């Protein structure tokens, strides 16, 4: 069930209501002594937050695929040239 934002046309009070999509729109302001007409505001919705695993294509790969990927990563690291351990010396004039 979504939250809907409303604004009173008389007093400017803004509020949020958690109601079903099938419920009728509110018409009266809930502020004490106001009773003005309210208007439902169009919202942009909330931003999505993706936390934890399960949101990437690779999270659902089979175990055989993951084992192959590990093997490929290990072999590519082994075939990479090792950094030289020779100290660099400045060129003399």
PDB file of N, CA and C in Angstrom:
ATOM      1  N   UNK A   1       0.847  -1.179   0.000  1.00  0.00           N
ATOM      2  CA  UNK A   1       0.000   0.000   0.000  1.00  0.00           C
ATOM      3  C   UNK A   1       0.894   1.244   0.000  1.00  0.00           C
ATOM      4  N   UNK A   2       0.604   2.171  -0.867  1.00  0.00           N
ATOM      5  CA  UNK A   2       1.447   3.357  -1.003  1.00  0.00           C
ATOM      6  C   UNK A   2       1.094   4.476  -0.016  1.00  0.00           C
ATOM      7  N   UNK A   3       2.029   5.384   0.111  1.00  0.00           N
ATOM      8  CA  UNK A   3       1.803   6.612   0.867  1.00  0.00           C
ATOM      9  C   UNK A   3       1.398   7.692  -0.123  1.00  0.00           C
ATOM     10  N   UNK A   4       0.419   8.479   0.250  1.00  0.00           N
ATOM     11  CA  UNK A   4      -0.016   9.580  -0.595  1.00  0.00           C
ATOM     12  C   UNK A   4       0.211  10.885   0.148  1.00  0.00           C
ATOM     13  N   UNK A   5       0.673  11.905  -0.588  1.00  0.00           N
ATOM     14  CA  UNK A   5       0.869  13.235  -0.027  1.00  0.00           C
ATOM     15  C   UNK A   5      -0.346  14.089  -0.355  1.00  0.00           C
ATOM     16  N   UNK A   6      -0.790  14.848   0.634  1.00  0.00           N
ATOM     17  CA  UNK A   6      -1.920  15.754   0.467  1.00  0.00           C
ATOM     18  C   UNK A   6      -1.512  17.141   0.945  1.00  0.00           C
ATOM     19  N   UNK A   7      -2.196  18.168   0.400  1.00  0.00           N
ATOM     20  CA  UNK A   7      -1.982  19.540   0.843  1.00  0.00           C
ATOM     21  C   UNK A   7      -3.334  20.225   0.946  1.00  0.00           C
ATOM     22  N   UNK A   8      -3.534  20.911   2.071  1.00  0.00           N
ATOM     23  CA  UNK A   8      -4.785  21.645   2.280  1.00  0.00           C
ATOM     24  C   UNK A   8      -4.755  22.921   1.445  1.00  0.00           C
ATOM     25  N   UNK A   9      -5.842  23.193   0.732  1.00  0.00           N
ATOM     26  CA  UNK A   9      -5.934  24.384  -0.099  1.00  0.00           C
ATOM     27  C   UNK A   9      -6.184  25.636   0.737  1.00  0.00           C
ATOM     28  N   UNK A  10      -6.709  25.466   1.969  1.00  0.00           N
ATOM     29  CA  UNK A  10      -7.012  26.615   2.815  1.00  0.00           C
ATOM     30  C   UNK A  10      -5.815  27.028   3.684  1.00  0.00           C
ATOM     31  N   UNK A  11      -5.270  26.084   4.456  1.00  0.00           N
ATOM     32  CA  UNK A  11      -4.210  26.448   5.409  1.00  0.00           C
ATOM     33  C   UNK A  11      -2.810  26.057   4.947  1.00  0.00           C
ATOM     34  N   UNK A  12      -2.671  25.272   3.881  1.00  0.00           N
ATOM     35  CA  UNK A  12      -1.366  24.895   3.356  1.00  0.00           C
ATOM     36  C   UNK A  12      -0.720  23.730   4.085  1.00  0.00           C
ATOM     37  N   UNK A  13      -1.453  23.096   5.012  1.00  0.00           N
ATOM     38  CA  UNK A  13      -0.911  21.956   5.760  1.00  0.00           C
ATOM     39  C   UNK A  13      -0.647  20.796   4.805  1.00  0.00           C
ATOM     40  N   UNK A  14       0.584  20.263   4.875  1.00  0.00           N
ATOM     41  CA  UNK A  14       0.943  19.114   4.040  1.00  0.00           C
ATOM     42  C   UNK A  14       1.084  17.901   4.944  1.00  0.00           C
ATOM     43  N   UNK A  15       0.552  16.771   4.482  1.00  0.00           N
ATOM     44  CA  UNK A  15       0.623  15.550   5.267  1.00  0.00           C
ATOM     45  C   UNK A  15       0.643  14.348   4.341  1.00  0.00           C
ATOM     46  N   UNK A  16       1.014  13.219   4.935  1.00  0.00           N
ATOM     47  CA  UNK A  16       1.158  11.971   4.195  1.00  0.00           C
ATOM     48  C   UNK A  16       0.212  10.941   4.798  1.00  0.00           C
ATOM     49  N   UNK A  17      -0.447  10.171   3.944  1.00  0.00           N
ATOM     50  CA  UNK A  17      -1.396   9.165   4.408  1.00  0.00           C
ATOM     51  C   UNK A  17      -1.048   7.828   3.765  1.00  0.00           C
ATOM     52  N   UNK A  18      -1.027   6.790   4.576  1.00  0.00           N
ATOM     53  CA  UNK A  18      -0.783   5.426   4.106  1.00  0.00           C
ATOM     54  C   UNK A  18      -2.156   4.812   3.859  1.00  0.00           C
ATOM     55  N   UNK A  19      -2.512   4.622   2.593  1.00  0.00           N
ATOM     56  CA  UNK A  19      -3.832   4.087   2.278  1.00  0.00           C
ATOM     57  C   UNK A  19      -3.770   3.210   1.042  1.00  0.00           C
ATOM     58  N   UNK A  20      -4.755   2.349   0.923  1.00  0.00           N
ATOM     59  CA  UNK A  20      -4.840   1.436  -0.201  1.00  0.00           C
ATOM     60  C   UNK A  20      -5.110   2.210  -1.486  1.00  0.00           C
ATOM     61  N   UNK A  21      -4.729   1.593  -2.602  1.00  0.00           N
ATOM     62  CA  UNK A  21      -4.991   2.226  -3.889  1.00  0.00           C
ATOM     63  C   UNK A  21      -6.490   2.268  -4.192  1.00  0.00           C
ATOM     64  N   UNK A  22      -7.257   1.409  -3.543  1.00  0.00           N
ATOM     65  CA  UNK A  22      -8.703   1.351  -3.761  1.00  0.00           C
ATOM     66  C   UNK A  22      -9.474   2.330  -2.884  1.00  0.00           C
ATOM     67  N   UNK A  23      -8.824   2.891  -1.856  1.00  0.00           N
ATOM     68  CA  UNK A  23      -9.503   3.838  -0.969  1.00  0.00           C
ATOM     69  C   UNK A  23      -9.792   5.135  -1.713  1.00  0.00           C
ATOM     70  N   UNK A  24     -10.877   5.789  -1.294  1.00  0.00           N
ATOM     71  CA  UNK A  24     -11.232   7.079  -1.882  1.00  0.00           C
ATOM     72  C   UNK A  24     -10.247   8.152  -1.437  1.00  0.00           C
ATOM     73  N   UNK A  25     -10.056   9.179  -2.264  1.00  0.00           N
ATOM     74  CA  UNK A  25      -9.180  10.295  -1.915  1.00  0.00           C
ATOM     75  C   UNK A  25      -9.757  11.035  -0.714  1.00  0.00           C
ATOM     76  N   UNK A  26      -8.863  11.582   0.101  1.00  0.00           N
ATOM     77  CA  UNK A  26      -9.313  12.395   1.219  1.00  0.00           C
ATOM     78  C   UNK A  26      -9.814  13.730   0.694  1.00  0.00           C
ATOM     79  N   UNK A  27     -10.766  14.323   1.411  1.00  0.00           N
ATOM     80  CA  UNK A  27     -11.320  15.597   0.963  1.00  0.00           C
ATOM     81  C   UNK A  27     -11.180  16.699   1.991  1.00  0.00           C
ATOM     82  N   UNK A  28     -11.120  16.365   3.292  1.00  0.00           N
ATOM     83  CA  UNK A  28     -11.089  17.378   4.347  1.00  0.00           C
ATOM     84  C   UNK A  28      -9.740  17.399   5.059  1.00  0.00           C
ATOM     85  N   UNK A  29      -9.307  18.592   5.440  1.00  0.00           N
ATOM     86  CA  UNK A  29      -8.047  18.777   6.138  1.00  0.00           C
ATOM     87  C   UNK A  29      -8.159  18.221   7.561  1.00  0.00           C
ATOM     88  N   UNK A  30      -7.151  17.466   8.031  1.00  0.00           N
ATOM     89  CA  UNK A  30      -7.200  16.894   9.377  1.00  0.00           C
ATOM     90  C   UNK A  30      -6.806  17.879  10.484  1.00  0.00           C
ATOM     91  N   UNK A  31      -6.349  19.080  10.135  1.00  0.00           N
ATOM     92  CA  UNK A  31      -5.974  20.072  11.146  1.00  0.00           C
ATOM     93  C   UNK A  31      -7.209  20.502  11.932  1.00  0.00           C
ATOM     94  N   UNK A  32      -7.026  20.668  13.241  1.00  0.00           N
ATOM     95  CA  UNK A  32      -8.139  21.107  14.091  1.00  0.00           C
ATOM     96  C   UNK A  32      -8.614  22.495  13.669  1.00  0.00           C
ATOM     97  N   UNK A  33      -9.895  22.628  13.452  1.00  0.00           N
ATOM     98  CA  UNK A  33     -10.503  23.910  13.131  1.00  0.00           C
ATOM     99  C   UNK A  33     -10.361  24.357  11.690  1.00  0.00           C
ATOM    100  N   UNK A  34      -9.708  23.605  10.845  1.00  0.00           N
ATOM    101  CA  UNK A  34      -9.528  24.045   9.456  1.00  0.00           C
ATOM    102  C   UNK A  34     -10.683  23.533   8.599  1.00  0.00           C
ATOM    103  N   UNK A  35     -10.724  22.249   8.354  1.00  0.00           N
ATOM    104  CA  UNK A  35     -11.793  21.666   7.548  1.00  0.00           C
ATOM    105  C   UNK A  35     -11.746  22.035   6.085  1.00  0.00           C
ATOM    106  N   UNK A  36     -10.638  22.606   5.603  1.00  0.00           N
ATOM    107  CA  UNK A  36     -10.515  22.991   4.200  1.00  0.00           C
ATOM    108  C   UNK A  36     -10.385  21.774   3.291  1.00  0.00           C
ATOM    109  N   UNK A  37     -10.532  22.010   2.015  1.00  0.00           N
ATOM    110  CA  UNK A  37     -10.403  20.940   1.027  1.00  0.00           C
ATOM    111  C   UNK A  37      -8.924  20.609   0.832  1.00  0.00           C
ATOM    112  N   UNK A  38      -8.645  19.311   0.677  1.00  0.00           N
ATOM    113  CA  UNK A  38      -7.269  18.880   0.427  1.00  0.00           C
ATOM    114  C   UNK A  38      -7.134  18.385  -0.998  1.00  0.00           C
ATOM    115  N   UNK A  39      -5.923  18.470  -1.499  1.00  0.00           N
ATOM    116  CA  UNK A  39      -5.618  18.040  -2.852  1.00  0.00           C
ATOM    117  C   UNK A  39      -4.497  17.014  -2.768  1.00  0.00           C
ATOM    118  N   UNK A  40      -4.654  15.891  -3.472  1.00  0.00           N
ATOM    119  CA  UNK A  40      -3.600  14.880  -3.497  1.00  0.00           C
ATOM    120  C   UNK A  40      -2.493  15.365  -4.421  1.00  0.00           C
ATOM    121  N   UNK A  41      -1.268  15.304  -3.934  1.00  0.00           N
ATOM    122  CA  UNK A  41      -0.117  15.762  -4.705  1.00  0.00           C
ATOM    123  C   UNK A  41       0.478  14.611  -5.493  1.00  0.00           C
ATOM    124  N   UNK A  42       1.004  14.933  -6.634  1.00  0.00           N
ATOM    125  CA  UNK A  42       1.700  13.933  -7.437  1.00  0.00           C
ATOM    126  C   UNK A  42       3.113  13.819  -6.908  1.00  0.00           C
ATOM    127  N   UNK A  43       3.496  12.615  -6.564  1.00  0.00           N
ATOM    128  CA  UNK A  43       4.836  12.397  -6.030  1.00  0.00           C
ATOM    129  C   UNK A  43       5.717  11.719  -7.049  1.00  0.00           C
ATOM    130  N   UNK A  44       7.007  11.886  -6.854  1.00  0.00           N
ATOM    131  CA  UNK A  44       7.956  11.231  -7.744  1.00  0.00           C
ATOM    132  C   UNK A  44       8.306   9.848  -7.240  1.00  0.00           C
ATOM    133  N   UNK A  45       7.841   9.493  -6.059  1.00  0.00           N
ATOM    134  CA  UNK A  45       8.135   8.183  -5.501  1.00  0.00           C
ATOM    135  C   UNK A  45       9.459   8.197  -4.777  1.00  0.00           C
ATOM    136  N   UNK A  46       9.693   7.156  -4.061  1.00  0.00           N
ATOM    137  CA  UNK A  46      10.936   7.045  -3.299  1.00  0.00           C
ATOM    138  C   UNK A  46      12.023   6.448  -4.166  1.00  0.00           C
ATOM    139  N   UNK A  47      13.243   6.776  -3.849  1.00  0.00           N
ATOM    140  CA  UNK A  47      14.378   6.188  -4.553  1.00  0.00           C
ATOM    141  C   UNK A  47      14.563   4.749  -4.109  1.00  0.00           C
ATOM    142  N   UNK A  48      15.095   3.937  -4.966  1.00  0.00           N
ATOM    143  CA  UNK A  48      15.337   2.539  -4.637  1.00  0.00           C
ATOM    144  C   UNK A  48      16.713   2.386  -4.037  1.00  0.00           C
ATOM    145  N   UNK A  49      16.791   1.628  -2.973  1.00  0.00           N
ATOM    146  CA  UNK A  49      18.070   1.328  -2.354  1.00  0.00           C
ATOM    147  C   UNK A  49      18.309  -0.163  -2.472  1.00  0.00           C
ATOM    148  N   UNK A  50      19.378  -0.526  -3.136  1.00  0.00           N
ATOM    149  CA  UNK A  50      19.729  -1.925  -3.283  1.00  0.00           C
ATOM    150  C   UNK A  50      20.833  -2.243  -2.293  1.00  0.00           C
ATOM    151  N   UNK A  51      20.502  -3.008  -1.273  1.00  0.00           N
ATOM    152  CA  UNK A  51      21.478  -3.364  -0.253  1.00  0.00           C
ATOM    153  C   UNK A  51      21.642  -4.872  -0.221  1.00  0.00           C
ATOM    154  N   UNK A  52      22.852  -5.313  -0.001  1.00  0.00           N
ATOM    155  CA  UNK A  52      23.097  -6.740   0.132  1.00  0.00           C
ATOM    156  C   UNK A  52      23.294  -7.418  -1.210  1.00  0.00           C
ATOM    157  N   UNK A  53      23.420  -8.732  -1.161  1.00  0.00           N
ATOM    158  CA  UNK A  53      23.638  -9.505  -2.372  1.00  0.00           C
ATOM    159  C   UNK A  53      22.339  -9.752  -3.112  1.00  0.00           C
ATOM    160  N   UNK A  54      22.469 -10.194  -4.343  1.00  0.00           N
ATOM    161  CA  UNK A  54      21.291 -10.570  -5.105  1.00  0.00           C
ATOM    162  C   UNK A  54      20.848  -9.546  -6.124  1.00  0.00           C
ATOM    163  N   UNK A  55      21.605  -8.459  -6.307  1.00  0.00           N
ATOM    164  CA  UNK A  55      21.173  -7.424  -7.223  1.00  0.00           C
ATOM    165  C   UNK A  55      22.035  -7.332  -8.471  1.00  0.00           C
ATOM    166  N   UNK A  56      22.989  -8.226  -8.577  1.00  0.00           N
ATOM    167  CA  UNK A  56      23.868  -8.193  -9.729  1.00  0.00           C
ATOM    168  C   UNK A  56      23.707  -9.487 -10.522  1.00  0.00           C
ATOM    169  N   UNK A  57      24.006  -9.441 -11.790  1.00  0.00           N
ATOM    170  CA  UNK A  57      23.845 -10.596 -12.668  1.00  0.00           C
ATOM    171  C   UNK A  57      24.673 -11.770 -12.173  1.00  0.00           C
ATOM    172  N   UNK A  58      25.845 -11.501 -11.653  1.00  0.00           N
ATOM    173  CA  UNK A  58      26.737 -12.577 -11.246  1.00  0.00           C
ATOM    174  C   UNK A  58      26.352 -13.214  -9.915  1.00  0.00           C
ATOM    175  N   UNK A  59      25.431 -12.619  -9.173  1.00  0.00           N
ATOM    176  CA  UNK A  59      25.026 -13.190  -7.889  1.00  0.00           C
ATOM    177  C   UNK A  59      24.251 -14.488  -8.045  1.00  0.00           C
ATOM    178  N   UNK A  60      23.646 -14.721  -9.186  1.00  0.00           N
ATOM    179  CA  UNK A  60      22.812 -15.898  -9.381  1.00  0.00           C
ATOM    180  C   UNK A  60      23.470 -16.937 -10.285  1.00  0.00           C
ATOM    181  N   UNK A  61      24.755 -16.826 -10.505  1.00  0.00           N
ATOM    182  CA  UNK A  61      25.448 -17.782 -11.363  1.00  0.00           C
ATOM    183  C   UNK A  61      25.556 -19.127 -10.670  1.00  0.00           C
ATOM    184  N   UNK A  62      25.653 -20.181 -11.467  1.00  0.00           N
ATOM    185  CA  UNK A  62      25.770 -21.532 -10.927  1.00  0.00           C
ATOM    186  C   UNK A  62      27.143 -21.717 -10.282  1.00  0.00           C
ATOM    187  N   UNK A  63      27.250 -22.725  -9.436  1.00  0.00           N
ATOM    188  CA  UNK A  63      28.515 -22.974  -8.750  1.00  0.00           C
ATOM    189  C   UNK A  63      29.608 -23.389  -9.741  1.00  0.00           C
ATOM    190  N   UNK A  64      29.245 -24.099 -10.808  1.00  0.00           N
ATOM    191  CA  UNK A  64      30.250 -24.487 -11.802  1.00  0.00           C
ATOM    192  C   UNK A  64      30.783 -23.260 -12.543  1.00  0.00           C
ATOM    193  N   UNK A  65      29.914 -22.300 -12.812  1.00  0.00           N
ATOM    194  CA  UNK A  65      30.356 -21.065 -13.468  1.00  0.00           C
ATOM    195  C   UNK A  65      31.298 -20.294 -12.545  1.00  0.00           C
ATOM    196  N   UNK A  66      30.944 -20.205 -11.254  1.00  0.00           N
ATOM    197  CA  UNK A  66      31.783 -19.485 -10.307  1.00  0.00           C
ATOM    198  C   UNK A  66      33.148 -20.152 -10.158  1.00  0.00           C
ATOM    199  N   UNK A  67      33.190 -21.491 -10.172  1.00  0.00           N
ATOM    200  CA  UNK A  67      34.465 -22.206 -10.079  1.00  0.00           C
ATOM    201  C   UNK A  67      35.312 -21.924 -11.315  1.00  0.00           C
ATOM    202  N   UNK A  68      34.697 -21.907 -12.483  1.00  0.00           N
ATOM    203  CA  UNK A  68      35.421 -21.588 -13.713  1.00  0.00           C
ATOM    204  C   UNK A  68      35.945 -20.160 -13.716  1.00  0.00           C
ATOM    205  N   UNK A  69      35.162 -19.246 -13.198  1.00  0.00           N
ATOM    206  CA  UNK A  69      35.587 -17.849 -13.131  1.00  0.00           C
ATOM    207  C   UNK A  69      36.780 -17.698 -12.196  1.00  0.00           C
ATOM    208  N   UNK A  70      36.770 -18.436 -11.073  1.00  0.00           N
ATOM    209  CA  UNK A  70      37.909 -18.389 -10.151  1.00  0.00           C
ATOM    210  C   UNK A  70      39.159 -18.940 -10.824  1.00  0.00           C
ATOM    211  N   UNK A  71      39.009 -20.038 -11.576  1.00  0.00           N
ATOM    212  CA  UNK A  71      40.144 -20.633 -12.269  1.00  0.00           C
ATOM    213  C   UNK A  71      40.703 -19.670 -13.309  1.00  0.00           C
ATOM    214  N   UNK A  72      39.815 -18.989 -14.044  1.00  0.00           N
ATOM    215  CA  UNK A  72      40.258 -18.013 -15.038  1.00  0.00           C
ATOM    216  C   UNK A  72      40.981 -16.852 -14.367  1.00  0.00           C
ATOM    217  N   UNK A  73      40.486 -16.398 -13.239  1.00  0.00           N
ATOM    218  CA  UNK A  73      41.115 -15.288 -12.528  1.00  0.00           C
ATOM    219  C   UNK A  73      42.485 -15.703 -12.014  1.00  0.00           C
ATOM    220  N   UNK A  74      42.592 -16.933 -11.531  1.00  0.00           N
ATOM    221  CA  UNK A  74      43.880 -17.426 -11.038  1.00  0.00           C
ATOM    222  C   UNK A  74      44.890 -17.589 -12.149  1.00  0.00           C
ATOM    223  N   UNK A  75      44.465 -18.070 -13.307  1.00  0.00           N
ATOM    224  CA  UNK A  75      45.402 -18.278 -14.416  1.00  0.00           C
ATOM    225  C   UNK A  75      45.823 -16.950 -15.020  1.00  0.00           C
ATOM    226  N   UNK A  76      44.939 -15.967 -15.042  1.00  0.00           N
ATOM    227  CA  UNK A  76      45.324 -14.666 -15.607  1.00  0.00           C
ATOM    228  C   UNK A  76      46.286 -13.945 -14.672  1.00  0.00           C
ATOM    229  N   UNK A  77      46.164 -14.164 -13.364  1.00  0.00           N
ATOM    230  CA  UNK A  77      47.098 -13.551 -12.418  1.00  0.00           C
ATOM    231  C   UNK A  77      48.466 -14.211 -12.535  1.00  0.00           C
ATOM    232  N   UNK A  78      48.490 -15.518 -12.805  1.00  0.00           N
ATOM    233  CA  UNK A  78      49.755 -16.234 -12.933  1.00  0.00           C
ATOM    234  C   UNK A  78      50.469 -15.861 -14.224  1.00  0.00           C
ATOM    235  N   UNK A  79      49.738 -15.546 -15.292  1.00  0.00           N
ATOM    236  CA  UNK A  79      50.359 -15.223 -16.561  1.00  0.00           C
ATOM    237  C   UNK A  79      50.771 -13.763 -16.666  1.00  0.00           C
ATOM    238  N   UNK A  80      50.365 -12.942 -15.724  1.00  0.00           N
ATOM    239  CA  UNK A  80      50.734 -11.530 -15.751  1.00  0.00           C
ATOM    240  C   UNK A  80      52.211 -11.396 -15.415  1.00  0.00           C
ATOM    241  N   UNK A  81      52.915 -10.488 -16.079  1.00  0.00           N
ATOM    242  CA  UNK A  81      54.338 -10.331 -15.785  1.00  0.00           C
ATOM    243  C   UNK A  81      54.537  -9.785 -14.382  1.00  0.00           C
ATOM    244  N   UNK A  82      55.547 -10.307 -13.705  1.00  0.00           N
ATOM    245  CA  UNK A  82      55.850  -9.863 -12.356  1.00  0.00           C
ATOM    246  C   UNK A  82      56.578  -8.534 -12.437  1.00  0.00           C
ATOM    247  N   UNK A  83      56.323  -7.647 -11.478  1.00  0.00           N
ATOM    248  CA  UNK A  83      57.036  -6.370 -11.490  1.00  0.00           C
ATOM    249  C   UNK A  83      58.523  -6.599 -11.234  1.00  0.00           C
ATOM    250  N   UNK A  84      59.363  -5.810 -11.891  1.00  0.00           N
ATOM    251  CA  UNK A  84      60.803  -5.994 -11.732  1.00  0.00           C
ATOM    252  C   UNK A  84      61.227  -5.528 -10.348  1.00  0.00           C
ATOM    253  N   UNK A  85      62.173  -6.251  -9.771  1.00  0.00           N
ATOM    254  CA  UNK A  85      62.639  -5.909  -8.436  1.00  0.00           C
ATOM    255  C   UNK A  85      63.952  -5.133  -8.483  1.00  0.00           C
ATOM    256  N   UNK A  86      64.447  -4.814  -9.678  1.00  0.00           N
ATOM    257  CA  UNK A  86      65.682  -4.067  -9.798  1.00  0.00           C
ATOM    258  C   UNK A  86      65.438  -2.613  -9.402  1.00  0.00           C
ATOM    259  N   UNK A  87      66.319  -2.064  -8.560  1.00  0.00           N
ATOM    260  CA  UNK A  87      66.134  -0.672  -8.150  1.00  0.00           C
ATOM    261  C   UNK A  87      66.395   0.258  -9.314  1.00  0.00           C
ATOM    262  N   UNK A  88      65.639   1.300  -9.373  1.00  0.00           N
ATOM    263  CA  UNK A  88      65.830   2.264 -10.459  1.00  0.00           C
ATOM    264  C   UNK A  88      66.877   3.280 -10.022  1.00  0.00           C
ATOM    265  N   UNK A  89      67.758   3.625 -10.933  1.00  0.00           N
ATOM    266  CA  UNK A  89      68.800   4.593 -10.616  1.00  0.00           C
ATOM    267  C   UNK A  89      68.625   5.784 -11.529  1.00  0.00           C
ATOM    268  N   UNK A  90      68.845   6.970 -10.992  1.00  0.00           N
ATOM    269  CA  UNK A  90      68.705   8.158 -11.834  1.00  0.00           C
ATOM    270  C   UNK A  90      69.817   8.222 -12.868  1.00  0.00           C
ATOM    271  N   UNK A  91      69.529   8.749 -14.011  1.00  0.00           N
ATOM    272  CA  UNK A  91      70.514   8.869 -15.087  1.00  0.00           C
ATOM    273  C   UNK A  91      71.558   9.909 -14.708  1.00  0.00           C
ATOM    274  N   UNK A  92      72.806   9.586 -14.966  1.00  0.00           N
ATOM    275  CA  UNK A  92      73.869  10.524 -14.630  1.00  0.00           C
ATOM    276  C   UNK A  92      74.126  11.464 -15.812  1.00  0.00           C
ATOM    277  N   UNK A  93      74.584  12.659 -15.514  1.00  0.00           N
ATOM    278  CA  UNK A  93      74.853  13.653 -16.563  1.00  0.00           C
ATOM    279  C   UNK A  93      76.197  13.504 -17.100  1.00  0.00           C
TER     280      UNK A  93
END
